[in-house]
Amino acid sequence: MIIILAEHIVLDIENMPRKIMDISLVEENKSDYTFFKIDEDENEDNKTLKALKQTYVTSNYKNETILNLQKELKTNSSEISKEIKLDSYNKYNNALDLATRHYITKAVEFIEEAFKLNPKDPDILNLKGLLYLLKCDFSKAFESFYTSQCYGNNELSRKYVNLLSSKDFKVFLERYNHSIRFINEELNEESIEIFDSLKLEEPELIEPYVISILLYDRVGDNAKKKALLEELRCIDKDNPIFEKFNEDGENIENSINKNVEVKTEENTTKEEISKTNKKSNKKDKKHIILYSVIAILIVCMGAFYINNQKKINDLNEQISSKESELNEKDKELSKKDEKLNEAQKTEEDAKENDEKLKEQEKEATEIAKGAENLYFSANKYKQAGDYKTAIKYYEYSLKANDTYKFREDAIYNMALSYQKLGDDDNAIKYYKKFVNTYKASSNFYDDSYYHLGMLYYKNDRLQDAKNAFYDLRGSDPNSPYNNSEKVKEILRK
């Protein structure tokens, strides 16, 4: 693990030299800059960019930097004027002052302006690298330090080139990128857990605070979000994230929308009360009329019953006769209904068989497109949140003739999609299939074990969860998940 990396960066910024602003003292070297090649150790453990492979920082920055420097030295050997140098020194000094007062975002703007004016000055390049390292833009930081070492071969740039190429930094970056992957998979709690540990280890790095604030805003934990905003103000006072939230830590856009909704609800309530009152008055009038009609009907019916008892008895006999006829017709209708239901069921069975045939034809047509097309189609459905369709296309890709290229990723993504749907049984099934099929060096191997263990734990299968995490330790001891506080907590139970 990197040892107090962020504190080193802050101390190195404070110890950066200020530039001389007396134009008569600015040195003017008429000769071309010398290009220093840094030999690369052939030892597998010490290759300059080995630590940055398989991450968001691409592995070809060193080669690109060398080529760009060589091209620049061939095409532009003229020395910049003292006036331009002086202007670049002024911007460098401004950036240095802002950085020491923790206005990192504005300091980056000034150092970029200084770099455009004087791109070969080692101090400018080193300060640029330190600021981008605080911002967690590791690719730009490495490029700045390496370029500085090529031009000046100084101790500070050499220190950070070695640090960004170390095994400790590789482990740090793997954890950082795991948390980013969790965000893309909407696993917010897992991402927050990793970023919390990164902030404890490297409290001066800015990006973990920014991402954690956005994650806490997403999950609705306003107390932690507000606390992190206060902590961020201490290390980057002018970060753009502060424009998104008010003094109470509330999202400004959500607050505006909420006020609009409240006003709309108030207006709606007033209108509903008014309408209800009007309806009540109308109902009262209707009730008076209705009661009068009922009273008249009762009187008339009483007189009719007294004076026409015989006619009523005749009517009752007729009604009984009609009821008998209706019962017979009901029986006939029941028989017809049974026949209709049988016919309908036959028709439904035929439709179901027809749909199955169509589905089989569609499946055959889709499978013929090849595993690659099917896999990427499934990914599009997954990103859109249509996990059911995504699972179907992952299944198609597994049945294609060329599935061996995408089988590993398809199985993992099927498990993840079932987990998103809340189908824990199928998710566990496919995570188990992955870890039982592939080696520890495979992509998503430790991810599958982690998800498997967490699903067991969620479903009150504590021993199964422990077994999964112990298996992960045994098969992949270098996995960042082994250091997860949640995993350690489960194993202690």
Protein backbone atom coordinates (compact mmCIF):
# COMPACT_ATOMS: atom_id res chain seq x y z
CA MET A 1 0.00 0.00 0.00
CA ILE A 2 1.18 3.54 -0.63
CA ILE A 3 2.56 5.09 2.56
CA ILE A 4 1.07 8.59 3.30
CA LEU A 5 1.26 9.44 -0.41
CA ALA A 6 -1.02 12.48 -0.13
CA GLU A 7 1.00 14.01 2.74
CA HIS A 8 4.12 13.63 0.62
CA ILE A 9 2.42 15.49 -2.22
CA VAL A 10 1.38 18.40 0.02
CA LEU A 11 4.88 18.64 1.53
CA ASP A 12 6.49 18.52 -1.91
CA ILE A 13 4.20 21.32 -3.12
CA GLU A 14 5.14 23.46 -0.10
CA ASN A 15 8.84 22.84 -0.80
CA MET A 16 8.62 23.69 -4.52
CA PRO A 17 10.94 26.63 -5.39
CA ARG A 18 9.45 30.01 -6.32
CA LYS A 19 10.53 31.46 -9.66
CA ILE A 20 12.74 34.58 -9.91
CA MET A 21 10.70 37.48 -11.30
CA ASP A 22 13.66 39.80 -12.10
CA ILE A 23 13.94 39.60 -15.90
CA SER A 24 17.66 40.45 -15.80
CA LEU A 25 18.31 37.30 -13.77
CA VAL A 26 16.37 34.92 -16.01
CA GLU A 27 18.84 32.60 -17.68
CA GLU A 28 18.67 32.21 -21.43
CA ASN A 29 20.23 29.05 -22.74
CA LYS A 30 20.91 29.25 -26.48
CA SER A 31 21.57 25.54 -26.91
CA ASP A 32 18.92 22.91 -27.52
CA TYR A 33 17.45 20.94 -24.64
CA THR A 34 19.07 17.57 -24.08
CA PHE A 35 16.78 14.57 -24.26
CA PHE A 36 17.47 12.09 -21.48
CA LYS A 37 16.33 8.55 -22.17
CA ILE A 38 15.53 6.66 -19.02
CA ASP A 39 16.62 3.04 -19.38
CA GLU A 40 13.98 0.53 -18.46
CA ASP A 41 14.94 -2.39 -16.24
CA GLU A 42 14.14 -5.65 -17.95
CA ASN A 43 13.27 -7.24 -14.60
CA GLU A 44 9.57 -8.18 -14.77
CA ASP A 45 8.84 -6.60 -11.38
CA ASN A 46 10.36 -3.20 -12.24
CA LYS A 47 9.06 -2.30 -15.70
CA THR A 48 8.17 1.37 -15.67
CA LEU A 49 4.50 0.98 -16.53
CA LYS A 50 3.81 -2.53 -15.31
CA ALA A 51 1.84 -1.17 -12.35
CA LEU A 52 -0.45 0.84 -14.59
CA LYS A 53 -1.58 -2.00 -16.88
CA GLN A 54 -5.19 -3.28 -16.79
CA THR A 55 -6.38 0.02 -15.29
CA TYR A 56 -7.96 3.24 -16.49
CA VAL A 57 -4.40 4.57 -16.95
CA THR A 58 -3.24 3.14 -20.29
CA SER A 59 0.11 1.37 -20.54
CA ASN A 60 1.51 3.35 -23.47
CA TYR A 61 1.93 6.78 -21.82
CA LYS A 62 5.67 6.37 -21.54
CA ASN A 63 6.10 5.53 -25.24
CA GLU A 64 3.76 8.35 -26.28
CA THR A 65 5.71 10.79 -24.11
CA ILE A 66 9.05 9.73 -25.60
CA LEU A 67 7.75 10.05 -29.18
CA ASN A 68 6.19 13.45 -28.51
CA LEU A 69 9.41 14.74 -26.94
CA GLN A 70 11.56 13.46 -29.77
CA LYS A 71 9.25 15.05 -32.35
CA GLU A 72 9.22 18.36 -30.46
CA LEU A 73 13.02 18.43 -30.19
CA LYS A 74 13.38 17.85 -33.93
CA THR A 75 10.81 20.42 -35.00
CA ASN A 76 11.21 23.15 -32.37
CA SER A 77 14.72 23.84 -31.10
CA SER A 78 14.31 27.61 -30.69
CA GLU A 79 14.53 29.07 -27.18
CA ILE A 80 11.55 31.00 -25.82
CA SER A 81 12.06 34.67 -25.00
CA LYS A 82 12.73 36.05 -21.51
CA GLU A 83 9.37 37.85 -21.54
CA ILE A 84 7.45 34.62 -22.16
CA LYS A 85 9.53 32.84 -19.53
CA LEU A 86 8.76 35.62 -17.08
CA ASP A 87 5.02 35.32 -17.80
CA SER A 88 5.18 31.54 -17.29
CA TYR A 89 7.06 32.03 -13.98
CA ASN A 90 4.38 34.46 -12.82
CA LYS A 91 1.61 31.93 -13.54
CA TYR A 92 3.68 29.16 -11.91
CA ASN A 93 4.09 31.27 -8.75
CA ASN A 94 0.32 32.00 -8.73
CA ALA A 95 -0.41 28.28 -9.03
CA LEU A 96 2.04 27.53 -6.21
CA ASP A 97 0.45 30.17 -3.92
CA LEU A 98 -3.06 28.87 -4.62
CA ALA A 99 -2.02 25.24 -4.05
CA THR A 100 -0.44 26.00 -0.67
CA ARG A 101 -3.73 27.68 0.34
CA HIS A 102 -5.71 24.62 -0.87
CA TYR A 103 -7.30 26.20 -3.95
CA ILE A 104 -6.30 23.21 -6.06
CA THR A 105 -8.86 23.60 -8.89
CA LYS A 106 -7.77 27.18 -9.66
CA ALA A 107 -4.10 26.21 -9.25
CA VAL A 108 -4.54 23.61 -12.02
CA GLU A 109 -5.82 26.33 -14.37
CA PHE A 110 -2.76 28.54 -13.71
CA ILE A 111 -0.24 25.72 -14.07
CA GLU A 112 -1.81 24.70 -17.40
CA GLU A 113 -1.37 28.28 -18.64
CA ALA A 114 2.25 28.28 -17.45
CA PHE A 115 2.83 24.92 -19.20
CA LYS A 116 1.48 26.24 -22.53
CA LEU A 117 3.97 29.13 -22.37
CA ASN A 118 6.95 27.12 -21.13
CA PRO A 119 6.39 23.37 -21.67
CA LYS A 120 10.01 22.31 -21.00
CA ASP A 121 10.50 23.76 -17.53
CA PRO A 122 10.98 20.93 -14.97
CA ASP A 123 9.50 22.92 -12.06
CA ILE A 124 6.33 23.69 -14.01
CA LEU A 125 6.07 20.05 -15.07
CA ASN A 126 6.62 18.80 -11.51
CA LEU A 127 4.00 21.13 -9.99
CA LYS A 128 1.58 20.11 -12.76
CA GLY A 129 2.21 16.44 -11.90
CA LEU A 130 1.68 17.01 -8.15
CA LEU A 131 -1.61 18.88 -8.71
CA TYR A 132 -2.99 16.24 -11.08
CA LEU A 133 -1.95 13.54 -8.61
CA LEU A 134 -4.01 15.28 -5.91
CA LYS A 135 -6.90 15.39 -8.42
CA CYS A 136 -6.38 11.61 -9.05
CA ASP A 137 -5.74 12.15 -12.78
CA PHE A 138 -2.96 9.57 -12.65
CA SER A 139 -2.27 9.46 -16.40
CA LYS A 140 -1.57 13.22 -16.65
CA ALA A 141 0.45 13.13 -13.42
CA PHE A 142 2.69 10.34 -14.72
CA GLU A 143 3.15 12.05 -18.08
CA SER A 144 4.20 15.32 -16.39
CA PHE A 145 6.72 13.65 -14.06
CA TYR A 146 8.19 11.52 -16.83
CA THR A 147 8.52 14.52 -19.16
CA SER A 148 10.19 16.50 -16.37
CA GLN A 149 12.65 13.68 -15.84
CA CYS A 150 13.43 13.59 -19.55
CA TYR A 151 14.19 17.33 -19.62
CA GLY A 152 15.77 17.84 -16.19
CA ASN A 153 16.44 14.36 -14.73
CA ASN A 154 15.66 15.84 -11.27
CA GLU A 155 15.13 14.07 -7.96
CA LEU A 156 11.44 15.03 -7.47
CA SER A 157 10.29 13.74 -10.87
CA ARG A 158 12.36 10.56 -10.47
CA LYS A 159 10.75 9.96 -7.07
CA TYR A 160 7.20 10.08 -8.48
CA VAL A 161 7.98 8.12 -11.65
CA ASN A 162 9.21 5.33 -9.39
CA LEU A 163 6.22 5.67 -7.06
CA LEU A 164 3.64 5.54 -9.87
CA SER A 165 5.44 2.45 -11.24
CA SER A 166 5.54 0.60 -7.91
CA LYS A 167 3.67 -2.51 -6.79
CA ASP A 168 2.07 -0.56 -3.92
CA PHE A 169 0.55 1.92 -6.37
CA LYS A 170 -0.74 -0.92 -8.52
CA VAL A 171 -2.64 -2.34 -5.51
CA PHE A 172 -4.00 1.13 -4.67
CA LEU A 173 -5.13 1.68 -8.26
CA GLU A 174 -6.80 -1.74 -8.48
CA ARG A 175 -8.91 -0.89 -5.44
CA TYR A 176 -9.69 2.56 -6.85
CA ASN A 177 -10.84 1.04 -10.15
CA HIS A 178 -12.87 -1.67 -8.37
CA SER A 179 -14.87 1.09 -6.69
CA ILE A 180 -15.43 2.80 -10.07
CA ARG A 181 -16.62 -0.52 -11.53
CA PHE A 182 -19.08 -0.91 -8.64
CA ILE A 183 -20.55 2.53 -9.45
CA ASN A 184 -21.10 1.48 -13.07
CA GLU A 185 -22.84 -1.66 -11.77
CA GLU A 186 -24.98 0.44 -9.36
CA LEU A 187 -23.42 -1.27 -6.32
CA ASN A 188 -23.29 1.98 -4.36
CA GLU A 189 -22.70 0.58 -0.85
CA GLU A 190 -19.71 -1.50 -1.97
CA SER A 191 -18.20 1.51 -3.78
CA ILE A 192 -18.70 3.75 -0.73
CA GLU A 193 -16.96 1.18 1.48
CA ILE A 194 -13.82 1.14 -0.70
CA PHE A 195 -13.72 4.94 -1.05
CA ASP A 196 -14.09 5.33 2.74
CA SER A 197 -10.97 3.20 3.26
CA LEU A 198 -9.07 5.11 0.52
CA LYS A 199 -9.91 8.42 2.22
CA LEU A 200 -8.55 7.13 5.54
CA GLU A 201 -5.30 6.01 3.91
CA GLU A 202 -4.84 9.03 1.59
CA PRO A 203 -6.86 11.89 3.15
CA GLU A 204 -5.46 14.60 0.82
CA LEU A 205 -6.54 12.98 -2.47
CA ILE A 206 -9.51 14.93 -3.79
CA GLU A 207 -11.44 12.63 -6.12
CA PRO A 208 -12.48 10.04 -3.46
CA TYR A 209 -14.27 12.85 -1.57
CA VAL A 210 -16.05 14.12 -4.70
CA ILE A 211 -17.25 10.65 -5.74
CA SER A 212 -18.30 9.74 -2.18
CA ILE A 213 -20.34 12.97 -1.90
CA LEU A 214 -22.21 12.12 -5.12
CA LEU A 215 -22.78 8.55 -3.91
CA TYR A 216 -24.16 9.66 -0.54
CA ASP A 217 -26.40 12.12 -2.42
CA ARG A 218 -27.65 9.24 -4.55
CA VAL A 219 -28.46 6.99 -1.56
CA GLY A 220 -29.95 9.90 0.44
CA ASP A 221 -27.49 10.00 3.37
CA ASN A 222 -27.45 13.79 3.85
CA ALA A 223 -25.55 13.76 7.16
CA LYS A 224 -22.50 11.99 5.73
CA LYS A 225 -22.71 14.01 2.52
CA LYS A 226 -22.65 17.30 4.48
CA ALA A 227 -19.70 16.11 6.62
CA LEU A 228 -17.70 15.17 3.52
CA LEU A 229 -18.43 18.54 1.89
CA GLU A 230 -16.88 20.23 4.96
CA GLU A 231 -13.84 17.93 4.78
CA LEU A 232 -13.43 18.65 1.06
CA ARG A 233 -13.42 22.41 1.72
CA CYS A 234 -10.24 21.91 3.73
CA ILE A 235 -8.29 20.35 0.84
CA ASP A 236 -9.84 21.91 -2.30
CA LYS A 237 -11.75 25.05 -1.40
CA ASP A 238 -12.87 25.88 -4.95
CA ASN A 239 -13.92 22.42 -6.15
CA PRO A 240 -16.80 22.62 -8.71
CA ILE A 241 -18.85 20.14 -6.61
CA PHE A 242 -19.73 22.99 -4.21
CA GLU A 243 -21.82 24.63 -6.95
CA LYS A 244 -24.14 21.59 -6.91
CA PHE A 245 -25.09 21.83 -3.20
CA ASN A 246 -26.27 24.64 -0.88
CA GLU A 247 -24.91 25.43 2.61
CA ASP A 248 -27.03 22.67 4.19
CA GLY A 249 -25.63 20.09 1.75
CA GLU A 250 -28.91 19.80 -0.18
CA ASN A 251 -28.86 19.27 -3.93
CA ILE A 252 -29.82 22.66 -5.38
CA GLU A 253 -31.73 21.19 -8.37
CA ASN A 254 -33.73 18.80 -6.15
CA SER A 255 -34.53 21.62 -3.72
CA ILE A 256 -35.96 23.79 -6.54
CA ASN A 257 -38.05 20.89 -7.90
CA LYS A 258 -39.38 20.13 -4.40
CA ASN A 259 -40.56 23.73 -3.90
CA VAL A 260 -42.36 23.65 -7.24
CA GLU A 261 -44.08 20.37 -6.28
CA VAL A 262 -45.19 21.76 -2.89
CA LYS A 263 -46.75 24.85 -4.50
CA THR A 264 -48.50 22.68 -7.08
CA GLU A 265 -49.88 20.40 -4.34
CA GLU A 266 -51.19 23.43 -2.38
CA ASN A 267 -53.00 24.78 -5.44
CA THR A 268 -54.40 21.34 -6.22
CA THR A 269 -55.66 20.93 -2.64
CA LYS A 270 -57.50 24.27 -2.72
CA GLU A 271 -59.17 23.37 -6.00
CA GLU A 272 -60.19 19.94 -4.65
CA ILE A 273 -61.70 21.50 -1.48
CA SER A 274 -63.70 23.94 -3.61
CA LYS A 275 -64.94 21.15 -5.87
CA THR A 276 -65.86 18.99 -2.86
CA ASN A 277 -67.95 21.79 -1.30
CA LYS A 278 -69.84 22.32 -4.56
CA LYS A 279 -70.49 18.59 -4.91
CA SER A 280 -71.73 18.41 -1.30
CA ASN A 281 -74.31 21.17 -1.89
CA LYS A 282 -75.55 19.43 -5.04
CA LYS A 283 -75.81 16.10 -3.20
CA ASP A 284 -77.91 17.64 -0.40
CA LYS A 285 -80.43 18.95 -2.95
CA LYS A 286 -80.55 15.61 -4.71
CA HIS A 287 -81.13 13.77 -1.42
CA ILE A 288 -84.23 15.91 -0.59
CA ILE A 289 -85.78 15.10 -3.98
CA LEU A 290 -84.90 11.42 -3.64
CA TYR A 291 -86.49 11.08 -0.19
CA SER A 292 -89.72 12.67 -1.48
CA VAL A 293 -89.93 10.24 -4.40
CA ILE A 294 -89.37 7.26 -2.08
CA ALA A 295 -92.16 8.38 0.28
CA ILE A 296 -94.63 8.71 -2.62
CA LEU A 297 -93.69 5.29 -3.95
CA ILE A 298 -94.23 3.65 -0.52
CA VAL A 299 -97.75 5.12 -0.25
CA CYS A 300 -98.67 4.03 -3.79
CA MET A 301 -97.32 0.55 -3.32
CA GLY A 302 -99.28 0.14 -0.07
CA ALA A 303 -102.53 1.11 -1.78
CA PHE A 304 -101.76 -1.09 -4.73
CA TYR A 305 -101.11 -4.08 -2.43
CA ILE A 306 -104.34 -3.62 -0.46
CA ASN A 307 -106.57 -3.15 -3.50
CA ASN A 308 -104.95 -5.63 -5.88
CA GLN A 309 -103.85 -8.64 -3.78
CA LYS A 310 -105.24 -11.12 -6.30
CA LYS A 311 -103.33 -9.58 -9.19
CA ILE A 312 -100.14 -9.72 -7.15
CA ASN A 313 -100.63 -13.45 -6.49
CA ASP A 314 -101.12 -14.06 -10.22
CA LEU A 315 -97.94 -12.15 -10.94
CA ASN A 316 -96.03 -14.26 -8.41
CA GLU A 317 -97.16 -17.46 -10.14
CA GLN A 318 -96.05 -16.06 -13.50
CA ILE A 319 -92.67 -15.09 -12.02
CA SER A 320 -92.20 -18.65 -10.64
CA SER A 321 -92.97 -20.09 -14.04
CA LYS A 322 -90.50 -17.71 -15.71
CA GLU A 323 -87.84 -18.66 -13.15
CA SER A 324 -88.22 -22.33 -14.07
CA GLU A 325 -87.80 -21.49 -17.75
CA LEU A 326 -84.75 -19.38 -16.94
CA ASN A 327 -83.19 -22.21 -14.95
CA GLU A 328 -83.55 -24.55 -17.93
CA LYS A 329 -81.97 -21.96 -20.21
CA ASP A 330 -79.18 -21.45 -17.68
CA LYS A 331 -78.36 -25.15 -17.88
CA GLU A 332 -78.25 -24.97 -21.67
CA LEU A 333 -76.00 -21.89 -21.49
CA SER A 334 -73.69 -23.65 -19.02
CA LYS A 335 -73.21 -26.52 -21.46
CA LYS A 336 -72.47 -24.05 -24.25
CA ASP A 337 -70.00 -22.24 -21.97
CA GLU A 338 -68.18 -25.50 -21.28
CA LYS A 339 -67.86 -26.16 -25.00
CA LEU A 340 -66.65 -22.59 -25.58
CA ASN A 341 -64.07 -22.94 -22.80
CA GLU A 342 -62.80 -26.17 -24.32
CA ALA A 343 -62.55 -24.52 -27.72
CA GLN A 344 -60.84 -21.49 -26.19
CA LYS A 345 -58.33 -23.68 -24.37
CA THR A 346 -57.57 -25.55 -27.58
CA GLU A 347 -57.07 -22.23 -29.34
CA GLU A 348 -54.79 -20.97 -26.53
CA ASP A 349 -52.74 -24.17 -26.69
CA ALA A 350 -52.37 -23.70 -30.43
CA LYS A 351 -51.28 -20.07 -29.92
CA GLU A 352 -48.79 -21.14 -27.24
CA ASN A 353 -47.31 -23.76 -29.55
CA ASP A 354 -47.18 -21.19 -32.33
CA GLU A 355 -45.38 -18.71 -30.03
CA LYS A 356 -42.91 -21.41 -29.02
CA LEU A 357 -42.16 -22.13 -32.66
CA LYS A 358 -41.72 -18.43 -33.37
CA GLU A 359 -39.43 -18.09 -30.34
CA GLN A 360 -37.37 -21.05 -31.54
CA GLU A 361 -37.13 -19.52 -35.01
CA LYS A 362 -36.14 -16.15 -33.52
CA GLU A 363 -33.55 -17.85 -31.31
CA ALA A 364 -32.05 -19.67 -34.29
CA THR A 365 -31.97 -16.41 -36.28
CA GLU A 366 -30.32 -14.52 -33.40
CA ILE A 367 -27.77 -17.27 -32.68
CA ALA A 368 -26.76 -17.20 -36.33
CA LYS A 369 -25.57 -13.59 -35.84
CA GLY A 370 -22.61 -14.86 -33.80
CA ALA A 371 -21.56 -14.56 -30.17
CA GLU A 372 -19.90 -11.16 -30.57
CA ASN A 373 -23.03 -9.36 -31.86
CA LEU A 374 -25.23 -11.10 -29.30
CA TYR A 375 -22.89 -10.29 -26.39
CA PHE A 376 -22.73 -6.58 -27.21
CA SER A 377 -26.51 -6.44 -27.75
CA ALA A 378 -26.95 -8.00 -24.31
CA ASN A 379 -24.64 -5.35 -22.81
CA LYS A 380 -26.77 -2.57 -24.35
CA TYR A 381 -29.95 -3.99 -22.80
CA LYS A 382 -28.15 -4.37 -19.45
CA GLN A 383 -26.96 -0.75 -19.50
CA ALA A 384 -30.52 0.37 -20.32
CA GLY A 385 -31.81 -1.52 -17.27
CA ASP A 386 -33.70 -4.16 -19.32
CA TYR A 387 -32.14 -7.10 -17.46
CA LYS A 388 -34.64 -9.74 -18.66
CA THR A 389 -33.84 -9.08 -22.32
CA ALA A 390 -30.14 -8.84 -21.48
CA ILE A 391 -30.23 -12.32 -19.90
CA LYS A 392 -31.95 -13.73 -23.00
CA TYR A 393 -29.21 -12.36 -25.28
CA TYR A 394 -26.44 -13.60 -22.98
CA GLU A 395 -28.07 -17.06 -23.24
CA TYR A 396 -28.11 -16.70 -27.04
CA SER A 397 -24.40 -15.83 -27.04
CA LEU A 398 -23.63 -18.96 -24.98
CA LYS A 399 -25.35 -21.12 -27.62
CA ALA A 400 -23.45 -19.60 -30.58
CA ASN A 401 -20.68 -21.59 -32.26
CA ASP A 402 -18.01 -18.97 -31.47
CA THR A 403 -19.09 -18.50 -27.85
CA TYR A 404 -15.68 -19.37 -26.39
CA LYS A 405 -14.53 -15.75 -26.84
CA PHE A 406 -17.37 -14.31 -24.77
CA ARG A 407 -18.51 -17.22 -22.60
CA GLU A 408 -16.63 -16.06 -19.50
CA ASP A 409 -18.02 -12.49 -19.55
CA ALA A 410 -21.52 -13.66 -20.52
CA ILE A 411 -21.81 -16.00 -17.50
CA TYR A 412 -20.69 -13.26 -15.08
CA ASN A 413 -23.05 -10.68 -16.59
CA MET A 414 -25.97 -13.13 -16.45
CA ALA A 415 -25.34 -13.61 -12.74
CA LEU A 416 -25.14 -9.85 -12.24
CA SER A 417 -28.37 -9.29 -14.21
CA TYR A 418 -30.24 -11.89 -12.14
CA GLN A 419 -28.93 -10.15 -9.01
CA LYS A 420 -30.30 -6.82 -10.29
CA LEU A 421 -33.71 -8.47 -10.85
CA GLY A 422 -33.71 -9.79 -7.27
CA ASP A 423 -33.56 -13.40 -8.46
CA ASP A 424 -30.95 -14.51 -5.88
CA ASP A 425 -31.24 -18.24 -6.66
CA ASN A 426 -30.27 -17.84 -10.30
CA ALA A 427 -27.63 -15.24 -9.43
CA ILE A 428 -26.00 -17.69 -7.00
CA LYS A 429 -26.26 -20.45 -9.62
CA TYR A 430 -24.29 -18.50 -12.24
CA TYR A 431 -21.73 -17.03 -9.80
CA LYS A 432 -21.02 -20.61 -8.64
CA LYS A 433 -20.79 -21.72 -12.25
CA PHE A 434 -18.19 -19.00 -12.91
CA VAL A 435 -15.89 -19.76 -9.96
CA ASN A 436 -16.15 -23.51 -10.56
CA THR A 437 -15.35 -23.13 -14.27
CA TYR A 438 -12.58 -20.53 -14.47
CA LYS A 439 -9.21 -19.87 -12.83
CA ALA A 440 -8.29 -17.12 -10.37
CA SER A 441 -6.54 -15.22 -13.17
CA SER A 442 -9.82 -14.84 -15.07
CA ASN A 443 -11.66 -11.53 -15.27
CA PHE A 444 -14.39 -11.16 -12.64
CA TYR A 445 -13.15 -14.21 -10.67
CA ASP A 446 -12.83 -12.37 -7.37
CA ASP A 447 -15.92 -10.27 -8.20
CA SER A 448 -17.95 -13.48 -8.57
CA TYR A 449 -16.72 -14.86 -5.24
CA TYR A 450 -17.47 -11.56 -3.48
CA HIS A 451 -21.03 -11.35 -4.87
CA LEU A 452 -21.59 -15.05 -4.10
CA GLY A 453 -20.55 -14.58 -0.48
CA MET A 454 -22.67 -11.43 -0.05
CA LEU A 455 -25.74 -13.17 -1.54
CA TYR A 456 -25.31 -16.10 0.84
CA TYR A 457 -25.06 -13.66 3.73
CA LYS A 458 -28.14 -11.73 2.56
CA ASN A 459 -30.14 -15.00 2.49
CA ASP A 460 -29.08 -15.99 6.06
CA ARG A 461 -26.62 -18.64 4.84
CA LEU A 462 -23.74 -17.49 7.06
CA GLN A 463 -21.60 -20.62 6.81
CA ASP A 464 -21.89 -20.69 3.01
CA ALA A 465 -20.86 -17.01 2.96
CA LYS A 466 -17.81 -17.75 5.14
CA ASN A 467 -16.83 -20.70 2.95
CA ALA A 468 -17.02 -18.49 -0.15
CA PHE A 469 -14.77 -15.82 1.37
CA TYR A 470 -12.28 -18.42 2.67
CA ASP A 471 -12.19 -19.99 -0.82
CA LEU A 472 -11.48 -16.52 -2.28
CA ARG A 473 -8.56 -16.04 0.14
CA GLY A 474 -7.13 -19.41 -0.78
CA SER A 475 -7.49 -19.13 -4.56
CA ASP A 476 -6.77 -15.39 -4.98
CA PRO A 477 -4.84 -14.07 -1.93
CA ASN A 478 -4.05 -10.75 -3.68
CA SER A 479 -7.70 -9.83 -4.29
CA PRO A 480 -8.66 -6.40 -2.83
CA TYR A 481 -11.86 -7.99 -1.49
CA ASN A 482 -9.81 -9.86 1.12
CA ASN A 483 -9.17 -6.48 2.76
CA SER A 484 -12.85 -5.48 2.73
CA GLU A 485 -14.10 -4.54 6.21
CA LYS A 486 -17.48 -6.13 5.42
CA VAL A 487 -15.82 -9.44 4.49
CA LYS A 488 -13.70 -9.36 7.65
CA GLU A 489 -16.80 -8.65 9.73
CA ILE A 490 -18.67 -11.64 8.25
CA LEU A 491 -15.69 -13.95 8.81
CA ARG A 492 -15.54 -12.90 12.49
CA LYS A 493 -19.17 -14.00 13.10
